Structures are given as C-alpha cells and as structure tokens.
Amino acid sequence: MATPWTPEEESTLQQIYNLPYIEIMEIIWGRSESQIKKKMVELGLKREPKSIKYSPQEDEIIIEKYPYASWDELLGLLIGRNKRSISQRAAKLGVSRNNESEDKDEIY
C-alpha cells in the first residue's frame, strides 16, 4: 500500500504540477509518475497545454500560401504544425482557402 500524501507534498505539487514529471519526481522524492498523476486528478490540477506561438515568419507563410497551396506544401513549410492548427491560425489572421484548394484537400 502506498504511503499517504503529506500536506507538504500536496502543497508542493500544487505549486509545481506544470513541470515535467521527471522534475516533479526529483522534487517530491519517492513518488512515481502514476502516483503524481493520480494525486493531480484528486486535487483538480490540470496541466496547461504547451502551445508554441506562431512566429511572424510562419504568419507570413500562411498569409501568402494558405489561400492556394496544397496541404502537403503547407505542412512542409510549417514544420511541427498540423492542419487544424494551421486552419485556426489562418482564421485568426483573416485568411481563407480559395475554392479550388478546398476542393483538392480535406482539412481534417
């Protein structure tokens, strides 16, 4: 049976829960990743997604290429981005696909 969490451990976890699990395990010694995840759920702690902001260069590519380029070309130019992310960024930038490129490619 696992050792109960101390109030100090819980308090520490509430402060550091967004760190990588390996770092949390080094700070709260003796707790496994699964124990940490379970305690996070019990405490209602949710990790913030790590989204990487679009660079000005990526925005320029979207503005220039998104209306006409194929998805293969866009994905090749915007490494690490997926179709959904690119589509959402284009919408924020006020850029839309032309009908011809929409007919060629599925968004999702």
N, C-alpha and C. Protein backbone atom coordinates (compact mmCIF):
# COMPACT_ATOMS: atom_id res chain seq x y z
N MET A 1 0.84 -1.18 0.00
CA MET A 1 0.00 0.00 0.00
C MET A 1 0.88 1.24 0.00
N ALA A 2 0.49 2.23 -0.81
CA ALA A 2 1.28 3.45 -0.94
C ALA A 2 1.18 4.30 0.32
N THR A 3 2.25 5.00 0.58
CA THR A 3 2.29 5.92 1.72
C THR A 3 1.35 7.09 1.44
N PRO A 4 0.51 7.47 2.40
CA PRO A 4 -0.37 8.63 2.18
C PRO A 4 0.44 9.90 1.89
N TRP A 5 -0.14 10.77 1.09
CA TRP A 5 0.50 12.04 0.79
C TRP A 5 0.44 12.95 2.01
N THR A 6 1.53 13.64 2.25
CA THR A 6 1.56 14.61 3.34
C THR A 6 1.00 15.94 2.84
N PRO A 7 0.54 16.79 3.75
CA PRO A 7 0.09 18.12 3.32
C PRO A 7 1.21 18.90 2.62
N GLU A 8 2.44 18.70 3.04
CA GLU A 8 3.57 19.38 2.41
C GLU A 8 3.76 18.92 0.96
N GLU A 9 3.63 17.61 0.74
CA GLU A 9 3.76 17.08 -0.63
C GLU A 9 2.64 17.63 -1.52
N GLU A 10 1.42 17.66 -1.00
CA GLU A 10 0.30 18.18 -1.77
C GLU A 10 0.50 19.65 -2.10
N SER A 11 0.96 20.42 -1.13
CA SER A 11 1.21 21.84 -1.35
C SER A 11 2.29 22.05 -2.41
N THR A 12 3.35 21.27 -2.31
CA THR A 12 4.43 21.36 -3.30
C THR A 12 3.92 21.01 -4.69
N LEU A 13 3.14 19.94 -4.78
CA LEU A 13 2.60 19.53 -6.08
C LEU A 13 1.74 20.63 -6.68
N GLN A 14 0.94 21.29 -5.86
CA GLN A 14 0.08 22.37 -6.35
C GLN A 14 0.90 23.52 -6.93
N GLN A 15 2.12 23.67 -6.48
CA GLN A 15 2.98 24.76 -6.97
C GLN A 15 3.77 24.37 -8.22
N ILE A 16 4.04 23.08 -8.39
CA ILE A 16 4.97 22.67 -9.46
C ILE A 16 4.36 21.73 -10.48
N TYR A 17 3.05 21.53 -10.47
CA TYR A 17 2.44 20.48 -11.29
C TYR A 17 2.63 20.66 -12.79
N ASN A 18 2.99 21.85 -13.27
CA ASN A 18 3.22 22.04 -14.70
C ASN A 18 4.63 21.68 -15.15
N LEU A 19 5.50 21.36 -14.21
CA LEU A 19 6.86 20.93 -14.57
C LEU A 19 6.79 19.54 -15.20
N PRO A 20 7.81 19.15 -15.96
CA PRO A 20 7.86 17.76 -16.46
C PRO A 20 7.82 16.78 -15.29
N TYR A 21 7.18 15.64 -15.51
CA TYR A 21 7.01 14.66 -14.43
C TYR A 21 8.34 14.24 -13.82
N ILE A 22 9.36 14.10 -14.63
CA ILE A 22 10.66 13.68 -14.10
C ILE A 22 11.18 14.69 -13.08
N GLU A 23 10.93 15.98 -13.31
CA GLU A 23 11.36 17.01 -12.36
C GLU A 23 10.51 16.97 -11.10
N ILE A 24 9.22 16.73 -11.25
CA ILE A 24 8.35 16.62 -10.07
C ILE A 24 8.81 15.45 -9.21
N MET A 25 9.16 14.33 -9.85
CA MET A 25 9.61 13.16 -9.10
C MET A 25 10.92 13.41 -8.38
N GLU A 26 11.75 14.31 -8.91
CA GLU A 26 13.00 14.66 -8.23
C GLU A 26 12.74 15.56 -7.03
N ILE A 27 11.70 16.39 -7.12
CA ILE A 27 11.38 17.32 -6.03
C ILE A 27 10.57 16.61 -4.95
N ILE A 28 9.56 15.84 -5.37
CA ILE A 28 8.75 15.07 -4.42
C ILE A 28 9.29 13.64 -4.48
N TRP A 29 10.36 13.41 -3.78
CA TRP A 29 11.08 12.16 -3.86
C TRP A 29 10.24 11.00 -3.37
N GLY A 30 10.33 9.88 -4.09
CA GLY A 30 9.65 8.66 -3.66
C GLY A 30 8.26 8.48 -4.25
N ARG A 31 7.83 9.40 -5.09
CA ARG A 31 6.52 9.29 -5.73
C ARG A 31 6.72 8.95 -7.20
N SER A 32 5.94 7.99 -7.69
CA SER A 32 6.03 7.60 -9.10
C SER A 32 5.20 8.56 -9.95
N GLU A 33 5.43 8.48 -11.24
CA GLU A 33 4.66 9.31 -12.16
C GLU A 33 3.16 9.02 -12.04
N SER A 34 2.81 7.74 -11.92
CA SER A 34 1.39 7.40 -11.81
C SER A 34 0.79 7.93 -10.50
N GLN A 35 1.55 7.89 -9.41
CA GLN A 35 1.07 8.45 -8.15
C GLN A 35 0.85 9.96 -8.27
N ILE A 36 1.76 10.61 -8.95
CA ILE A 36 1.66 12.06 -9.14
C ILE A 36 0.43 12.39 -9.99
N LYS A 37 0.26 11.66 -11.08
CA LYS A 37 -0.90 11.92 -11.95
C LYS A 37 -2.21 11.69 -11.20
N LYS A 38 -2.28 10.62 -10.41
CA LYS A 38 -3.49 10.32 -9.64
C LYS A 38 -3.77 11.44 -8.64
N LYS A 39 -2.74 11.91 -7.96
CA LYS A 39 -2.92 12.98 -6.98
C LYS A 39 -3.33 14.28 -7.67
N MET A 40 -2.80 14.54 -8.85
CA MET A 40 -3.19 15.74 -9.60
C MET A 40 -4.69 15.70 -9.91
N VAL A 41 -5.19 14.54 -10.31
CA VAL A 41 -6.62 14.39 -10.59
C VAL A 41 -7.42 14.64 -9.31
N GLU A 42 -6.99 14.04 -8.21
CA GLU A 42 -7.69 14.21 -6.93
C GLU A 42 -7.73 15.67 -6.50
N LEU A 43 -6.66 16.41 -6.79
CA LEU A 43 -6.58 17.81 -6.39
C LEU A 43 -7.18 18.76 -7.44
N GLY A 44 -7.63 18.19 -8.58
CA GLY A 44 -8.21 19.02 -9.64
C GLY A 44 -7.19 19.85 -10.39
N LEU A 45 -5.96 19.37 -10.44
CA LEU A 45 -4.89 20.09 -11.14
C LEU A 45 -4.82 19.62 -12.60
N LYS A 46 -4.89 20.56 -13.51
CA LYS A 46 -4.80 20.22 -14.94
C LYS A 46 -3.60 20.94 -15.53
N ARG A 47 -2.80 20.18 -16.24
CA ARG A 47 -1.61 20.75 -16.87
C ARG A 47 -2.02 21.65 -18.01
N GLU A 48 -1.31 22.74 -18.17
CA GLU A 48 -1.58 23.65 -19.27
C GLU A 48 -0.93 23.09 -20.54
N PRO A 49 -1.68 23.10 -21.65
CA PRO A 49 -1.06 22.61 -22.88
C PRO A 49 0.10 23.50 -23.28
N LYS A 50 1.10 22.88 -23.82
CA LYS A 50 2.26 23.64 -24.27
C LYS A 50 2.09 23.97 -25.74
N SER A 51 1.55 25.12 -25.99
CA SER A 51 1.41 25.53 -27.38
C SER A 51 2.54 26.50 -27.71
N ILE A 52 3.06 26.34 -28.87
CA ILE A 52 4.14 27.20 -29.32
C ILE A 52 3.52 28.25 -30.22
N LYS A 53 3.76 29.49 -29.87
CA LYS A 53 3.19 30.60 -30.64
C LYS A 53 3.74 30.59 -32.07
N TYR A 54 2.90 31.04 -32.98
CA TYR A 54 3.33 31.18 -34.36
C TYR A 54 4.31 32.34 -34.47
N SER A 55 5.35 32.14 -35.23
CA SER A 55 6.33 33.20 -35.45
C SER A 55 5.82 34.14 -36.54
N PRO A 56 6.37 35.34 -36.62
CA PRO A 56 6.00 36.25 -37.71
C PRO A 56 6.27 35.63 -39.09
N GLN A 57 7.32 34.82 -39.18
CA GLN A 57 7.64 34.17 -40.45
C GLN A 57 6.57 33.14 -40.82
N GLU A 58 6.09 32.39 -39.82
CA GLU A 58 5.03 31.42 -40.09
C GLU A 58 3.73 32.13 -40.48
N ASP A 59 3.43 33.24 -39.81
CA ASP A 59 2.24 34.02 -40.18
C ASP A 59 2.34 34.49 -41.63
N GLU A 60 3.51 34.93 -42.02
CA GLU A 60 3.71 35.40 -43.40
C GLU A 60 3.49 34.27 -44.41
N ILE A 61 3.98 33.07 -44.07
CA ILE A 61 3.76 31.92 -44.94
C ILE A 61 2.27 31.64 -45.07
N ILE A 62 1.56 31.69 -43.98
CA ILE A 62 0.11 31.44 -44.01
C ILE A 62 -0.59 32.49 -44.84
N ILE A 63 -0.24 33.74 -44.63
CA ILE A 63 -0.88 34.83 -45.38
C ILE A 63 -0.63 34.67 -46.88
N GLU A 64 0.59 34.32 -47.24
CA GLU A 64 0.96 34.22 -48.65
C GLU A 64 0.51 32.91 -49.30
N LYS A 65 0.63 31.80 -48.59
CA LYS A 65 0.44 30.48 -49.21
C LYS A 65 -0.89 29.81 -48.92
N TYR A 66 -1.50 30.09 -47.76
CA TYR A 66 -2.69 29.36 -47.34
C TYR A 66 -3.82 29.38 -48.37
N PRO A 67 -4.08 30.51 -49.02
CA PRO A 67 -5.22 30.51 -49.96
C PRO A 67 -5.07 29.53 -51.13
N TYR A 68 -3.85 29.25 -51.57
CA TYR A 68 -3.66 28.49 -52.81
C TYR A 68 -2.84 27.21 -52.68
N ALA A 69 -1.98 27.12 -51.68
CA ALA A 69 -1.06 25.97 -51.59
C ALA A 69 -1.79 24.71 -51.16
N SER A 70 -1.24 23.57 -51.55
CA SER A 70 -1.79 22.28 -51.10
C SER A 70 -1.41 22.08 -49.64
N TRP A 71 -2.11 21.17 -48.98
CA TRP A 71 -1.79 20.86 -47.60
C TRP A 71 -0.38 20.28 -47.49
N ASP A 72 0.02 19.48 -48.46
CA ASP A 72 1.38 18.93 -48.43
C ASP A 72 2.42 20.04 -48.42
N GLU A 73 2.20 21.05 -49.25
CA GLU A 73 3.14 22.17 -49.31
C GLU A 73 3.13 22.96 -48.00
N LEU A 74 1.92 23.24 -47.48
CA LEU A 74 1.82 23.99 -46.23
C LEU A 74 2.48 23.24 -45.07
N LEU A 75 2.20 21.95 -44.97
CA LEU A 75 2.78 21.16 -43.89
C LEU A 75 4.30 21.06 -44.03
N GLY A 76 4.80 21.10 -45.26
CA GLY A 76 6.24 21.10 -45.49
C GLY A 76 6.89 22.41 -45.11
N LEU A 77 6.15 23.50 -45.25
CA LEU A 77 6.67 24.82 -44.91
C LEU A 77 6.53 25.14 -43.43
N LEU A 78 5.52 24.58 -42.80
CA LEU A 78 5.22 24.87 -41.40
C LEU A 78 5.48 23.62 -40.55
N ILE A 79 6.75 23.26 -40.43
CA ILE A 79 7.16 22.04 -39.73
C ILE A 79 6.67 22.07 -38.28
N GLY A 80 6.10 20.95 -37.86
CA GLY A 80 5.61 20.84 -36.49
C GLY A 80 4.18 21.32 -36.30
N ARG A 81 3.58 21.82 -37.36
CA ARG A 81 2.18 22.29 -37.30
C ARG A 81 1.29 21.26 -37.98
N ASN A 82 0.04 21.15 -37.52
CA ASN A 82 -0.90 20.25 -38.18
C ASN A 82 -1.98 21.06 -38.89
N LYS A 83 -2.80 20.37 -39.66
CA LYS A 83 -3.81 21.05 -40.47
C LYS A 83 -4.76 21.87 -39.61
N ARG A 84 -5.18 21.30 -38.51
CA ARG A 84 -6.14 22.02 -37.64
C ARG A 84 -5.52 23.31 -37.10
N SER A 85 -4.30 23.22 -36.62
CA SER A 85 -3.62 24.39 -36.08
C SER A 85 -3.43 25.46 -37.15
N ILE A 86 -3.02 25.05 -38.33
CA ILE A 86 -2.81 26.00 -39.43
C ILE A 86 -4.14 26.65 -39.81
N SER A 87 -5.20 25.85 -39.90
CA SER A 87 -6.52 26.39 -40.25
C SER A 87 -7.00 27.40 -39.22
N GLN A 88 -6.79 27.09 -37.94
CA GLN A 88 -7.20 28.00 -36.87
C GLN A 88 -6.39 29.29 -36.91
N ARG A 89 -5.09 29.17 -37.17
CA ARG A 89 -4.25 30.37 -37.24
C ARG A 89 -4.65 31.22 -38.44
N ALA A 90 -4.92 30.57 -39.56
CA ALA A 90 -5.34 31.31 -40.75
C ALA A 90 -6.63 32.09 -40.47
N ALA A 91 -7.56 31.46 -39.78
CA ALA A 91 -8.82 32.13 -39.45
C ALA A 91 -8.56 33.35 -38.57
N LYS A 92 -7.65 33.23 -37.61
CA LYS A 92 -7.31 34.37 -36.76
C LYS A 92 -6.67 35.50 -37.56
N LEU A 93 -5.94 35.11 -38.59
CA LEU A 93 -5.29 36.12 -39.45
C LEU A 93 -6.23 36.65 -40.52
N GLY A 94 -7.44 36.09 -40.61
CA GLY A 94 -8.42 36.54 -41.60
C GLY A 94 -8.14 36.02 -43.00
N VAL A 95 -7.44 34.88 -43.09
CA VAL A 95 -7.08 34.30 -44.38
C VAL A 95 -7.92 33.05 -44.60
N SER A 96 -8.43 32.89 -45.82
CA SER A 96 -9.23 31.70 -46.11
C SER A 96 -8.71 31.01 -47.36
N ARG A 97 -9.07 29.75 -47.51
CA ARG A 97 -8.67 28.97 -48.68
C ARG A 97 -9.55 29.38 -49.86
N ASN A 98 -8.99 29.35 -51.07
CA ASN A 98 -9.87 29.58 -52.21
C ASN A 98 -10.59 28.29 -52.52
N ASN A 99 -11.67 28.33 -53.27
CA ASN A 99 -12.50 27.15 -53.51
C ASN A 99 -11.72 26.02 -54.15
N GLU A 100 -10.81 26.33 -55.07
CA GLU A 100 -10.05 25.30 -55.76
C GLU A 100 -9.18 24.50 -54.80
N SER A 101 -8.49 25.18 -53.88
CA SER A 101 -7.63 24.46 -52.94
C SER A 101 -8.46 23.70 -51.92
N GLU A 102 -9.64 24.20 -51.56
CA GLU A 102 -10.51 23.48 -50.64
C GLU A 102 -11.02 22.20 -51.26
N ASP A 103 -11.29 22.23 -52.56
CA ASP A 103 -11.79 21.03 -53.24
C ASP A 103 -10.70 19.95 -53.31
N LYS A 104 -9.45 20.34 -53.41
CA LYS A 104 -8.35 19.37 -53.54
C LYS A 104 -8.05 18.67 -52.22
N ASP A 105 -8.16 19.39 -51.13
CA ASP A 105 -7.68 18.88 -49.84
C ASP A 105 -8.77 18.90 -48.79
N GLU A 106 -8.75 17.86 -47.96
CA GLU A 106 -9.62 17.83 -46.79
C GLU A 106 -8.87 18.53 -45.66
N ILE A 107 -9.56 19.25 -44.81
CA ILE A 107 -8.92 19.96 -43.70
C ILE A 107 -8.53 19.00 -42.60
N TYR A 108 -9.37 18.03 -42.27
CA TYR A 108 -9.09 17.17 -41.11
C TYR A 108 -8.91 15.76 -41.51
